N, C-alpha and C. Protein backbone atom coordinates (compact mmCIF):
# COMPACT_ATOMS: atom_id res chain seq x y z
N MET A 1 133.60 141.74 48.40
CA MET A 1 134.52 141.60 47.34
C MET A 1 134.11 140.32 46.51
N PRO A 2 134.24 140.55 45.21
CA PRO A 2 133.93 139.33 44.34
C PRO A 2 134.88 138.34 44.46
N HIS A 3 134.49 137.08 44.04
CA HIS A 3 135.45 136.03 43.89
C HIS A 3 135.22 135.34 42.65
N PHE A 4 136.17 134.45 42.21
CA PHE A 4 136.06 133.71 40.98
C PHE A 4 135.99 132.24 41.38
N GLU A 5 135.00 131.48 40.72
CA GLU A 5 134.92 130.02 40.89
C GLU A 5 135.44 129.41 39.42
N VAL A 6 136.53 128.59 39.67
CA VAL A 6 137.13 128.12 38.47
C VAL A 6 136.94 126.54 38.38
N SER A 7 136.24 126.21 37.31
CA SER A 7 135.88 124.78 37.08
C SER A 7 137.10 124.08 36.18
N LEU A 8 137.52 123.01 36.83
CA LEU A 8 138.67 122.26 36.21
C LEU A 8 138.15 121.00 35.41
N HIS A 9 139.01 120.51 34.64
CA HIS A 9 138.79 119.30 33.89
C HIS A 9 138.45 118.05 34.75
N ASP A 10 139.02 118.03 35.93
CA ASP A 10 138.81 116.86 36.89
C ASP A 10 137.39 117.09 37.67
N ARG A 11 136.67 118.02 37.13
CA ARG A 11 135.34 118.40 37.80
C ARG A 11 135.39 119.04 39.25
N SER A 12 136.60 119.43 39.59
CA SER A 12 136.60 120.27 40.83
C SER A 12 136.48 121.66 40.56
N VAL A 13 136.16 122.34 41.64
CA VAL A 13 136.02 123.78 41.58
C VAL A 13 136.92 124.46 42.46
N ASP A 14 137.85 125.30 42.03
CA ASP A 14 138.66 126.11 42.93
C ASP A 14 138.00 127.52 43.10
N VAL A 15 138.09 128.00 44.27
CA VAL A 15 137.50 129.34 44.56
C VAL A 15 138.67 130.28 44.83
N ILE A 16 138.75 131.26 44.10
CA ILE A 16 139.84 132.28 44.23
C ILE A 16 139.13 133.56 44.83
N GLU A 17 139.45 133.74 46.17
CA GLU A 17 138.92 135.03 46.80
C GLU A 17 140.01 136.07 46.84
N GLY A 18 139.48 137.30 46.83
CA GLY A 18 140.44 138.44 46.96
C GLY A 18 140.80 138.92 45.57
N ALA A 19 140.58 138.35 44.47
CA ALA A 19 141.12 138.66 43.18
C ALA A 19 140.01 139.48 42.45
N ASP A 20 140.33 140.48 41.72
CA ASP A 20 139.52 141.44 40.96
C ASP A 20 139.59 141.04 39.53
N ALA A 21 140.61 140.42 39.03
CA ALA A 21 140.76 140.26 37.54
C ALA A 21 141.65 139.04 37.41
N TYR A 22 141.80 138.67 36.10
CA TYR A 22 142.64 137.63 35.68
C TYR A 22 143.15 137.80 34.37
N GLN A 23 144.26 137.11 34.03
CA GLN A 23 144.71 137.11 32.56
C GLN A 23 145.67 135.92 32.40
N GLN A 24 145.78 135.54 31.12
CA GLN A 24 146.65 134.44 30.71
C GLN A 24 148.01 134.96 30.65
N GLU A 25 149.00 134.15 31.33
CA GLU A 25 150.39 134.45 31.17
C GLU A 25 151.15 133.13 30.84
N GLY A 26 151.42 133.02 29.51
CA GLY A 26 152.00 131.88 28.98
C GLY A 26 151.04 130.75 29.21
N PRO A 27 151.60 129.60 29.85
CA PRO A 27 150.70 128.31 30.11
C PRO A 27 149.80 128.55 31.38
N MET A 28 149.91 129.69 32.05
CA MET A 28 149.22 129.86 33.28
C MET A 28 148.08 130.95 33.11
N THR A 29 147.03 130.73 33.92
CA THR A 29 146.08 131.77 34.13
C THR A 29 146.25 132.41 35.53
N THR A 30 146.60 133.66 35.63
CA THR A 30 146.89 134.29 36.94
C THR A 30 145.83 135.22 37.26
N PHE A 31 145.44 135.10 38.65
CA PHE A 31 144.39 135.92 39.26
C PHE A 31 145.03 137.08 40.04
N PHE A 32 144.58 138.39 39.97
CA PHE A 32 145.13 139.41 40.43
C PHE A 32 144.26 140.19 41.47
N ARG A 33 144.75 140.93 42.42
CA ARG A 33 144.09 141.92 43.29
C ARG A 33 144.61 143.29 42.61
N CYS A 34 143.68 144.09 42.08
CA CYS A 34 144.12 145.30 41.42
C CYS A 34 144.15 146.58 42.33
N GLY A 35 143.56 146.48 43.45
CA GLY A 35 143.61 147.64 44.33
C GLY A 35 142.26 148.39 44.18
N GLU A 36 141.97 149.06 45.31
CA GLU A 36 140.76 149.92 45.31
C GLU A 36 140.60 151.05 44.23
N GLY A 37 139.55 150.97 43.60
CA GLY A 37 139.46 152.01 42.47
C GLY A 37 140.10 151.72 41.27
N ARG A 38 140.82 150.64 41.16
CA ARG A 38 141.59 150.29 39.92
C ARG A 38 140.78 149.13 39.31
N GLU A 39 140.68 149.27 37.97
CA GLU A 39 139.94 148.18 37.25
C GLU A 39 140.92 147.45 36.27
N ALA A 40 142.14 147.97 36.10
CA ALA A 40 143.02 147.30 35.19
C ALA A 40 144.24 146.64 35.97
N ILE A 41 144.84 145.49 35.29
CA ILE A 41 145.93 144.94 35.88
C ILE A 41 147.12 145.75 35.40
N ASP A 42 147.95 146.11 36.38
CA ASP A 42 149.07 146.88 36.05
C ASP A 42 150.16 146.60 37.03
N SER A 43 151.26 147.45 37.09
CA SER A 43 152.40 147.04 37.93
C SER A 43 152.11 147.11 39.45
N TRP A 44 151.00 147.71 39.74
CA TRP A 44 150.71 147.72 41.18
C TRP A 44 149.71 146.65 41.66
N SER A 45 149.30 145.81 40.64
CA SER A 45 148.40 144.60 40.92
C SER A 45 149.27 143.50 41.62
N VAL A 46 148.55 142.78 42.53
CA VAL A 46 149.18 141.66 43.34
C VAL A 46 148.71 140.36 42.74
N ARG A 47 149.62 139.53 42.48
CA ARG A 47 149.22 138.12 42.09
C ARG A 47 148.65 137.29 43.35
N ILE A 48 147.51 136.73 43.12
CA ILE A 48 146.86 136.00 44.05
C ILE A 48 147.02 134.48 44.02
N ALA A 49 146.84 134.06 42.70
CA ALA A 49 146.92 132.52 42.40
C ALA A 49 147.11 132.31 41.01
N SER A 50 147.61 131.31 40.51
CA SER A 50 147.88 130.88 39.16
C SER A 50 147.53 129.39 39.08
N LEU A 51 146.82 129.09 37.91
CA LEU A 51 146.45 127.66 37.62
C LEU A 51 146.80 127.50 36.06
N ARG A 52 147.09 126.18 35.83
CA ARG A 52 147.35 125.87 34.44
C ARG A 52 146.15 126.19 33.57
N THR A 53 146.27 126.86 32.46
CA THR A 53 145.27 127.26 31.58
C THR A 53 144.59 125.97 31.03
N ALA A 54 145.49 124.99 30.72
CA ALA A 54 145.06 123.78 30.13
C ALA A 54 143.97 122.98 30.92
N ASP A 55 144.14 123.18 32.25
CA ASP A 55 143.20 122.51 33.23
C ASP A 55 141.93 123.20 33.44
N ILE A 56 141.72 124.44 32.97
CA ILE A 56 140.47 125.34 33.20
C ILE A 56 139.49 124.97 32.12
N VAL A 57 138.27 124.73 32.58
CA VAL A 57 137.13 124.53 31.79
C VAL A 57 136.30 125.83 31.71
N ALA A 58 136.06 126.44 32.85
CA ALA A 58 135.28 127.79 32.88
C ALA A 58 135.68 128.64 33.98
N ILE A 59 135.57 129.97 34.02
CA ILE A 59 135.73 130.76 35.10
C ILE A 59 134.51 131.67 35.28
N HIS A 60 134.04 131.61 36.51
CA HIS A 60 132.83 132.43 36.83
C HIS A 60 133.09 133.42 37.90
N ARG A 61 132.85 134.72 37.60
CA ARG A 61 132.97 135.71 38.56
C ARG A 61 131.67 135.83 39.34
N ARG A 62 131.75 135.85 40.66
CA ARG A 62 130.66 135.93 41.56
C ARG A 62 130.55 137.11 42.44
N GLU A 63 129.71 137.92 42.55
CA GLU A 63 129.50 139.10 43.29
C GLU A 63 129.02 138.70 44.74
N PRO A 64 129.33 139.43 45.76
CA PRO A 64 128.88 139.16 47.09
C PRO A 64 127.36 139.15 47.07
N ALA A 65 126.74 138.65 48.05
CA ALA A 65 125.26 138.62 48.18
C ALA A 65 124.69 140.13 48.11
N GLY A 66 123.80 140.27 47.22
CA GLY A 66 123.17 141.70 47.24
C GLY A 66 123.86 142.65 46.14
N ALA A 67 125.23 142.32 45.83
CA ALA A 67 125.81 143.04 44.85
C ALA A 67 125.33 142.82 43.44
N ALA A 68 125.06 141.46 43.17
CA ALA A 68 124.50 141.20 41.74
C ALA A 68 123.27 141.86 41.45
N ASP A 69 122.40 142.18 42.49
CA ASP A 69 121.12 142.96 42.30
C ASP A 69 121.50 144.37 41.98
N ARG A 70 122.55 145.02 42.56
CA ARG A 70 122.87 146.32 42.11
C ARG A 70 123.40 146.41 40.73
N ILE A 71 124.22 145.41 40.43
CA ILE A 71 124.80 145.33 39.05
C ILE A 71 123.81 144.98 38.07
N GLY A 72 122.85 144.16 38.32
CA GLY A 72 121.80 143.78 37.37
C GLY A 72 121.94 142.50 36.98
N ARG A 73 123.09 141.91 37.00
CA ARG A 73 123.34 140.53 36.60
C ARG A 73 124.81 140.07 36.97
N SER A 74 124.85 138.72 37.15
CA SER A 74 126.20 138.21 37.54
C SER A 74 126.89 137.92 36.21
N ARG A 75 128.12 138.30 36.26
CA ARG A 75 129.10 138.03 34.96
C ARG A 75 129.54 136.72 34.98
N GLN A 76 129.50 136.02 33.80
CA GLN A 76 130.13 134.72 33.60
C GLN A 76 131.20 134.81 32.59
N LEU A 77 132.31 134.36 32.85
CA LEU A 77 133.39 134.33 31.84
C LEU A 77 133.89 132.95 31.67
N SER A 78 133.94 132.66 30.34
CA SER A 78 134.28 131.16 30.03
C SER A 78 135.50 131.24 29.09
N LEU A 79 136.28 130.24 29.25
CA LEU A 79 137.48 130.01 28.28
C LEU A 79 137.02 128.90 27.30
N SER A 80 137.47 129.13 26.07
CA SER A 80 137.23 127.97 25.11
C SER A 80 138.14 126.82 25.31
N ALA A 81 137.72 125.61 25.27
CA ALA A 81 138.47 124.48 25.56
C ALA A 81 139.42 124.16 24.47
């Protein structure tokens, strides 16, 4: 299962495991588990973690070892500061 590495302004990195997606909800960025075979955040999604959006510098999605080769590249998602 993929995980997200969240770089924060204090130069720490939080690892969010078990999440498939994230979205901004007001002042927070929330990470969700969407469920097997689901790619969209919907009413069946489970909240895993929330972080203050103002504290986030970048969010990197990492695939498990070997999965990045199948996908062809690792995806990097960044928020503008």
